[in-house]
Amino acid sequence: MFTLTSIKKQKLIEKVNEKNLYVIGDKLLHHAFEEAVIKYHKELLKNIILQKNFKTMFSHHSTVYITK
């Protein structure tokens, strides 16, 4: 699907996908993944939810999710 640069990021994607969410705008995600998701879900951007519950998995970035 998409190439990610670390196992931690892969685990984050899997956890998010289990909840039927897609990750958008996380600065720690690979740019190709981020851009592809934003382009694919552009019409759903009105449903963005800002989450901070993955903060401990990384360092200091928040993660923006968008629902399917």
PDB file of N, CA and C in Angstrom:
ATOM      1  N   MET A   1       0.832  -1.192   0.000  1.00  0.00           N
ATOM      2  CA  MET A   1       0.000   0.000   0.000  1.00  0.00           C
ATOM      3  C   MET A   1       0.869   1.245   0.000  1.00  0.00           C
ATOM      4  N   PHE A   2       1.428   1.585   1.166  1.00  0.00           N
ATOM      5  CA  PHE A   2       2.326   2.726   1.270  1.00  0.00           C
ATOM      6  C   PHE A   2       3.600   2.279   1.971  1.00  0.00           C
ATOM      7  N   THR A   3       4.692   2.945   1.666  1.00  0.00           N
ATOM      8  CA  THR A   3       5.954   2.633   2.317  1.00  0.00           C
ATOM      9  C   THR A   3       6.144   3.549   3.513  1.00  0.00           C
ATOM     10  N   LEU A   4       6.339   2.958   4.672  1.00  0.00           N
ATOM     11  CA  LEU A   4       6.604   3.723   5.888  1.00  0.00           C
ATOM     12  C   LEU A   4       8.047   3.485   6.301  1.00  0.00           C
ATOM     13  N   THR A   5       8.599   4.426   7.047  1.00  0.00           N
ATOM     14  CA  THR A   5      10.029   4.365   7.316  1.00  0.00           C
ATOM     15  C   THR A   5      10.393   3.724   8.650  1.00  0.00           C
ATOM     16  N   SER A   6       9.417   3.278   9.431  1.00  0.00           N
ATOM     17  CA  SER A   6       9.763   2.609  10.682  1.00  0.00           C
ATOM     18  C   SER A   6       8.655   1.667  11.137  1.00  0.00           C
ATOM     19  N   ILE A   7       9.041   0.710  11.986  1.00  0.00           N
ATOM     20  CA  ILE A   7       8.063  -0.243  12.531  1.00  0.00           C
ATOM     21  C   ILE A   7       7.071   0.479  13.424  1.00  0.00           C
ATOM     22  N   LYS A   8       7.512   1.470  14.194  1.00  0.00           N
ATOM     23  CA  LYS A   8       6.598   2.206  15.061  1.00  0.00           C
ATOM     24  C   LYS A   8       5.498   2.865  14.238  1.00  0.00           C
ATOM     25  N   LYS A   9       5.876   3.439  13.105  1.00  0.00           N
ATOM     26  CA  LYS A   9       4.882   4.075  12.254  1.00  0.00           C
ATOM     27  C   LYS A   9       3.918   3.034  11.704  1.00  0.00           C
ATOM     28  N   GLN A  10       4.425   1.870  11.314  1.00  0.00           N
ATOM     29  CA  GLN A  10       3.567   0.804  10.811  1.00  0.00           C
ATOM     30  C   GLN A  10       2.561   0.384  11.865  1.00  0.00           C
ATOM     31  N   LYS A  11       2.999   0.231  13.097  1.00  0.00           N
ATOM     32  CA  LYS A  11       2.092  -0.155  14.178  1.00  0.00           C
ATOM     33  C   LYS A  11       1.033   0.919  14.410  1.00  0.00           C
ATOM     34  N   LEU A  12       1.416   2.180  14.282  1.00  0.00           N
ATOM     35  CA  LEU A  12       0.444   3.265  14.416  1.00  0.00           C
ATOM     36  C   LEU A  12      -0.605   3.157  13.327  1.00  0.00           C
ATOM     37  N   ILE A  13      -0.194   2.915  12.090  1.00  0.00           N
ATOM     38  CA  ILE A  13      -1.134   2.793  10.979  1.00  0.00           C
ATOM     39  C   ILE A  13      -2.085   1.628  11.219  1.00  0.00           C
ATOM     40  N   GLU A  14      -1.560   0.490  11.656  1.00  0.00           N
ATOM     41  CA  GLU A  14      -2.403  -0.676  11.913  1.00  0.00           C
ATOM     42  C   GLU A  14      -3.429  -0.371  12.994  1.00  0.00           C
ATOM     43  N   LYS A  15      -3.002   0.291  14.057  1.00  0.00           N
ATOM     44  CA  LYS A  15      -3.911   0.610  15.156  1.00  0.00           C
ATOM     45  C   LYS A  15      -5.007   1.551  14.685  1.00  0.00           C
ATOM     46  N   VAL A  16      -4.624   2.527  13.884  1.00  0.00           N
ATOM     47  CA  VAL A  16      -5.596   3.478  13.359  1.00  0.00           C
ATOM     48  C   VAL A  16      -6.568   2.771  12.421  1.00  0.00           C
ATOM     49  N   ASN A  17      -6.061   1.904  11.550  1.00  0.00           N
ATOM     50  CA  ASN A  17      -6.922   1.204  10.598  1.00  0.00           C
ATOM     51  C   ASN A  17      -7.920   0.291  11.303  1.00  0.00           C
ATOM     52  N   GLU A  18      -7.554  -0.259  12.441  1.00  0.00           N
ATOM     53  CA  GLU A  18      -8.488  -1.083  13.212  1.00  0.00           C
ATOM     54  C   GLU A  18      -9.705  -0.285  13.646  1.00  0.00           C
ATOM     55  N   LYS A  19      -9.520   1.004  13.827  1.00  0.00           N
ATOM     56  CA  LYS A  19     -10.621   1.871  14.230  1.00  0.00           C
ATOM     57  C   LYS A  19     -11.278   2.539  13.026  1.00  0.00           C
ATOM     58  N   ASN A  20     -10.969   2.055  11.824  1.00  0.00           N
ATOM     59  CA  ASN A  20     -11.515   2.609  10.588  1.00  0.00           C
ATOM     60  C   ASN A  20     -11.193   4.092  10.427  1.00  0.00           C
ATOM     61  N   LEU A  21      -9.979   4.452  10.793  1.00  0.00           N
ATOM     62  CA  LEU A  21      -9.517   5.820  10.638  1.00  0.00           C
ATOM     63  C   LEU A  21      -8.285   5.828   9.749  1.00  0.00           C
ATOM     64  N   TYR A  22      -8.059   6.962   9.137  1.00  0.00           N
ATOM     65  CA  TYR A  22      -6.828   7.160   8.386  1.00  0.00           C
ATOM     66  C   TYR A  22      -6.038   8.284   9.022  1.00  0.00           C
ATOM     67  N   VAL A  23      -4.734   8.165   8.995  1.00  0.00           N
ATOM     68  CA  VAL A  23      -3.881   9.199   9.569  1.00  0.00           C
ATOM     69  C   VAL A  23      -3.639  10.277   8.527  1.00  0.00           C
ATOM     70  N   ILE A  24      -3.765  11.514   8.957  1.00  0.00           N
ATOM     71  CA  ILE A  24      -3.489  12.647   8.080  1.00  0.00           C
ATOM     72  C   ILE A  24      -2.638  13.665   8.812  1.00  0.00           C
ATOM     73  N   GLY A  25      -1.644  14.178   8.147  1.00  0.00           N
ATOM     74  CA  GLY A  25      -0.918  15.336   8.626  1.00  0.00           C
ATOM     75  C   GLY A  25       0.040  15.088   9.774  1.00  0.00           C
ATOM     76  N   ASP A  26       0.331  13.841  10.104  1.00  0.00           N
ATOM     77  CA  ASP A  26       1.326  13.572  11.129  1.00  0.00           C
ATOM     78  C   ASP A  26       2.703  13.825  10.532  1.00  0.00           C
ATOM     79  N   LYS A  27       3.437  14.744  11.106  1.00  0.00           N
ATOM     80  CA  LYS A  27       4.736  15.112  10.545  1.00  0.00           C
ATOM     81  C   LYS A  27       5.732  13.961  10.591  1.00  0.00           C
ATOM     82  N   LEU A  28       5.469  12.937  11.408  1.00  0.00           N
ATOM     83  CA  LEU A  28       6.374  11.800  11.504  1.00  0.00           C
ATOM     84  C   LEU A  28       6.084  10.743  10.449  1.00  0.00           C
ATOM     85  N   LEU A  29       4.966  10.874   9.750  1.00  0.00           N
ATOM     86  CA  LEU A  29       4.650   9.916   8.697  1.00  0.00           C
ATOM     87  C   LEU A  29       5.455  10.223   7.450  1.00  0.00           C
ATOM     88  N   HIS A  30       5.678   9.203   6.691  1.00  0.00           N
ATOM     89  CA  HIS A  30       6.357   9.378   5.414  1.00  0.00           C
ATOM     90  C   HIS A  30       5.537  10.306   4.525  1.00  0.00           C
ATOM     91  N   HIS A  31       6.187  11.239   3.863  1.00  0.00           N
ATOM     92  CA  HIS A  31       5.487  12.259   3.085  1.00  0.00           C
ATOM     93  C   HIS A  31       4.603  11.658   1.992  1.00  0.00           C
ATOM     94  N   ALA A  32       5.064  10.593   1.381  1.00  0.00           N
ATOM     95  CA  ALA A  32       4.272   9.971   0.304  1.00  0.00           C
ATOM     96  C   ALA A  32       2.944   9.457   0.836  1.00  0.00           C
ATOM     97  N   PHE A  33       2.971   8.850   2.016  1.00  0.00           N
ATOM     98  CA  PHE A  33       1.736   8.364   2.631  1.00  0.00           C
ATOM     99  C   PHE A  33       0.816   9.528   2.953  1.00  0.00           C
ATOM    100  N   GLU A  34       1.390  10.533   3.599  1.00  0.00           N
ATOM    101  CA  GLU A  34       0.614  11.700   4.018  1.00  0.00           C
ATOM    102  C   GLU A  34      -0.065  12.354   2.819  1.00  0.00           C
ATOM    103  N   GLU A  35       0.689  12.592   1.762  1.00  0.00           N
ATOM    104  CA  GLU A  35       0.139  13.261   0.585  1.00  0.00           C
ATOM    105  C   GLU A  35      -0.942  12.419  -0.084  1.00  0.00           C
ATOM    106  N   ALA A  36      -0.723  11.108  -0.155  1.00  0.00           N
ATOM    107  CA  ALA A  36      -1.699  10.227  -0.790  1.00  0.00           C
ATOM    108  C   ALA A  36      -3.015  10.226  -0.024  1.00  0.00           C
ATOM    109  N   VAL A  37      -2.932  10.165   1.301  1.00  0.00           N
ATOM    110  CA  VAL A  37      -4.155  10.150   2.108  1.00  0.00           C
ATOM    111  C   VAL A  37      -4.894  11.472   1.978  1.00  0.00           C
ATOM    112  N   ILE A  38      -4.154  12.571   2.021  1.00  0.00           N
ATOM    113  CA  ILE A  38      -4.800  13.880   1.915  1.00  0.00           C
ATOM    114  C   ILE A  38      -5.498  14.021   0.566  1.00  0.00           C
ATOM    115  N   LYS A  39      -4.844  13.583  -0.505  1.00  0.00           N
ATOM    116  CA  LYS A  39      -5.453  13.683  -1.833  1.00  0.00           C
ATOM    117  C   LYS A  39      -6.692  12.795  -1.926  1.00  0.00           C
ATOM    118  N   TYR A  40      -6.591  11.582  -1.404  1.00  0.00           N
ATOM    119  CA  TYR A  40      -7.681  10.619  -1.535  1.00  0.00           C
ATOM    120  C   TYR A  40      -8.904  11.043  -0.732  1.00  0.00           C
ATOM    121  N   HIS A  41      -8.692  11.685   0.407  1.00  0.00           N
ATOM    122  CA  HIS A  41      -9.790  12.024   1.311  1.00  0.00           C
ATOM    123  C   HIS A  41     -10.071  13.518   1.362  1.00  0.00           C
ATOM    124  N   LYS A  42      -9.687  14.221   0.309  1.00  0.00           N
ATOM    125  CA  LYS A  42      -9.830  15.672   0.316  1.00  0.00           C
ATOM    126  C   LYS A  42     -11.270  16.111   0.582  1.00  0.00           C
ATOM    127  N   GLU A  43     -12.231  15.367   0.059  1.00  0.00           N
ATOM    128  CA  GLU A  43     -13.635  15.731   0.230  1.00  0.00           C
ATOM    129  C   GLU A  43     -14.120  15.494   1.652  1.00  0.00           C
ATOM    130  N   LEU A  44     -13.353  14.780   2.463  1.00  0.00           N
ATOM    131  CA  LEU A  44     -13.768  14.474   3.836  1.00  0.00           C
ATOM    132  C   LEU A  44     -13.041  15.317   4.877  1.00  0.00           C
ATOM    133  N   LEU A  45     -12.288  16.312   4.417  1.00  0.00           N
ATOM    134  CA  LEU A  45     -11.491  17.090   5.358  1.00  0.00           C
ATOM    135  C   LEU A  45     -12.332  17.809   6.409  1.00  0.00           C
ATOM    136  N   LYS A  46     -13.623  18.010   6.102  1.00  0.00           N
ATOM    137  CA  LYS A  46     -14.497  18.665   7.082  1.00  0.00           C
ATOM    138  C   LYS A  46     -14.684  17.815   8.328  1.00  0.00           C
ATOM    139  N   ASN A  47     -14.365  16.514   8.252  1.00  0.00           N
ATOM    140  CA  ASN A  47     -14.565  15.605   9.388  1.00  0.00           C
ATOM    141  C   ASN A  47     -13.296  15.360  10.201  1.00  0.00           C
ATOM    142  N   ILE A  48     -12.294  16.202   9.998  1.00  0.00           N
ATOM    143  CA  ILE A  48     -11.027  15.994  10.708  1.00  0.00           C
ATOM    144  C   ILE A  48     -11.210  16.116  12.222  1.00  0.00           C
ATOM    145  N   ILE A  49     -10.541  15.211  12.923  1.00  0.00           N
ATOM    146  CA  ILE A  49     -10.527  15.253  14.387  1.00  0.00           C
ATOM    147  C   ILE A  49      -9.062  15.273  14.820  1.00  0.00           C
ATOM    148  N   LEU A  50      -8.722  16.204  15.688  1.00  0.00           N
ATOM    149  CA  LEU A  50      -7.354  16.247  16.196  1.00  0.00           C
ATOM    150  C   LEU A  50      -7.238  15.361  17.430  1.00  0.00           C
ATOM    151  N   GLN A  51      -6.309  14.419  17.367  1.00  0.00           N
ATOM    152  CA  GLN A  51      -6.102  13.489  18.473  1.00  0.00           C
ATOM    153  C   GLN A  51      -4.694  13.652  19.020  1.00  0.00           C
ATOM    154  N   LYS A  52      -4.545  13.445  20.333  1.00  0.00           N
ATOM    155  CA  LYS A  52      -3.219  13.508  20.934  1.00  0.00           C
ATOM    156  C   LYS A  52      -2.873  12.234  21.692  1.00  0.00           C
ATOM    157  N   ASN A  53      -3.691  11.210  21.567  1.00  0.00           N
ATOM    158  CA  ASN A  53      -3.500  10.009  22.371  1.00  0.00           C
ATOM    159  C   ASN A  53      -2.356   9.123  21.897  1.00  0.00           C
ATOM    160  N   PHE A  54      -1.754   9.430  20.739  1.00  0.00           N
ATOM    161  CA  PHE A  54      -0.593   8.659  20.282  1.00  0.00           C
ATOM    162  C   PHE A  54       0.710   9.383  20.611  1.00  0.00           C
ATOM    163  N   LYS A  55       0.598  10.472  21.374  1.00  0.00           N
ATOM    164  CA  LYS A  55       1.756  11.301  21.683  1.00  0.00           C
ATOM    165  C   LYS A  55       2.895  10.490  22.308  1.00  0.00           C
ATOM    166  N   THR A  56       2.553   9.562  23.194  1.00  0.00           N
ATOM    167  CA  THR A  56       3.583   8.823  23.910  1.00  0.00           C
ATOM    168  C   THR A  56       4.338   7.856  22.999  1.00  0.00           C
ATOM    169  N   MET A  57       3.733   7.457  21.886  1.00  0.00           N
ATOM    170  CA  MET A  57       4.400   6.538  20.967  1.00  0.00           C
ATOM    171  C   MET A  57       5.550   7.224  20.248  1.00  0.00           C
ATOM    172  N   PHE A  58       5.451   8.531  20.103  1.00  0.00           N
ATOM    173  CA  PHE A  58       6.475   9.284  19.401  1.00  0.00           C
ATOM    174  C   PHE A  58       7.066  10.321  20.351  1.00  0.00           C
ATOM    175  N   SER A  59       7.303  11.525  19.881  1.00  0.00           N
ATOM    176  CA  SER A  59       7.927  12.493  20.765  1.00  0.00           C
ATOM    177  C   SER A  59       6.992  13.635  21.118  1.00  0.00           C
ATOM    178  N   HIS A  60       6.698  14.519  20.178  1.00  0.00           N
ATOM    179  CA  HIS A  60       5.964  15.724  20.537  1.00  0.00           C
ATOM    180  C   HIS A  60       4.955  16.150  19.489  1.00  0.00           C
ATOM    181  N   HIS A  61       4.718  15.314  18.474  1.00  0.00           N
ATOM    182  CA  HIS A  61       3.774  15.699  17.429  1.00  0.00           C
ATOM    183  C   HIS A  61       2.381  15.178  17.748  1.00  0.00           C
ATOM    184  N   SER A  62       1.390  15.982  17.465  1.00  0.00           N
ATOM    185  CA  SER A  62       0.022  15.500  17.500  1.00  0.00           C
ATOM    186  C   SER A  62      -0.270  14.794  16.187  1.00  0.00           C
ATOM    187  N   THR A  63      -1.331  14.013  16.172  1.00  0.00           N
ATOM    188  CA  THR A  63      -1.713  13.283  14.971  1.00  0.00           C
ATOM    189  C   THR A  63      -3.130  13.683  14.598  1.00  0.00           C
ATOM    190  N   VAL A  64      -3.335  13.947  13.326  1.00  0.00           N
ATOM    191  CA  VAL A  64      -4.671  14.295  12.840  1.00  0.00           C
ATOM    192  C   VAL A  64      -5.251  13.079  12.139  1.00  0.00           C
ATOM    193  N   TYR A  65      -6.459  12.700  12.537  1.00  0.00           N
ATOM    194  CA  TYR A  65      -7.138  11.565  11.917  1.00  0.00           C
ATOM    195  C   TYR A  65      -8.318  12.048  11.098  1.00  0.00           C
ATOM    196  N   ILE A  66      -8.685  11.250  10.118  1.00  0.00           N
ATOM    197  CA  ILE A  66      -9.905  11.514   9.362  1.00  0.00           C
ATOM    198  C   ILE A  66     -10.663  10.200   9.233  1.00  0.00           C
ATOM    199  N   THR A  67     -11.960  10.240   9.448  1.00  0.00           N
ATOM    200  CA  THR A  67     -12.749   9.004   9.395  1.00  0.00           C
ATOM    201  C   THR A  67     -13.020   8.606   7.955  1.00  0.00           C
ATOM    202  N   LYS A  68     -13.275   7.310   7.747  1.00  0.00           N
ATOM    203  CA  LYS A  68     -13.591   6.807   6.408  1.00  0.00           C
ATOM    204  C   LYS A  68     -14.879   7.425   5.911  1.00  0.00           C
TER     205      LYS A  68
END
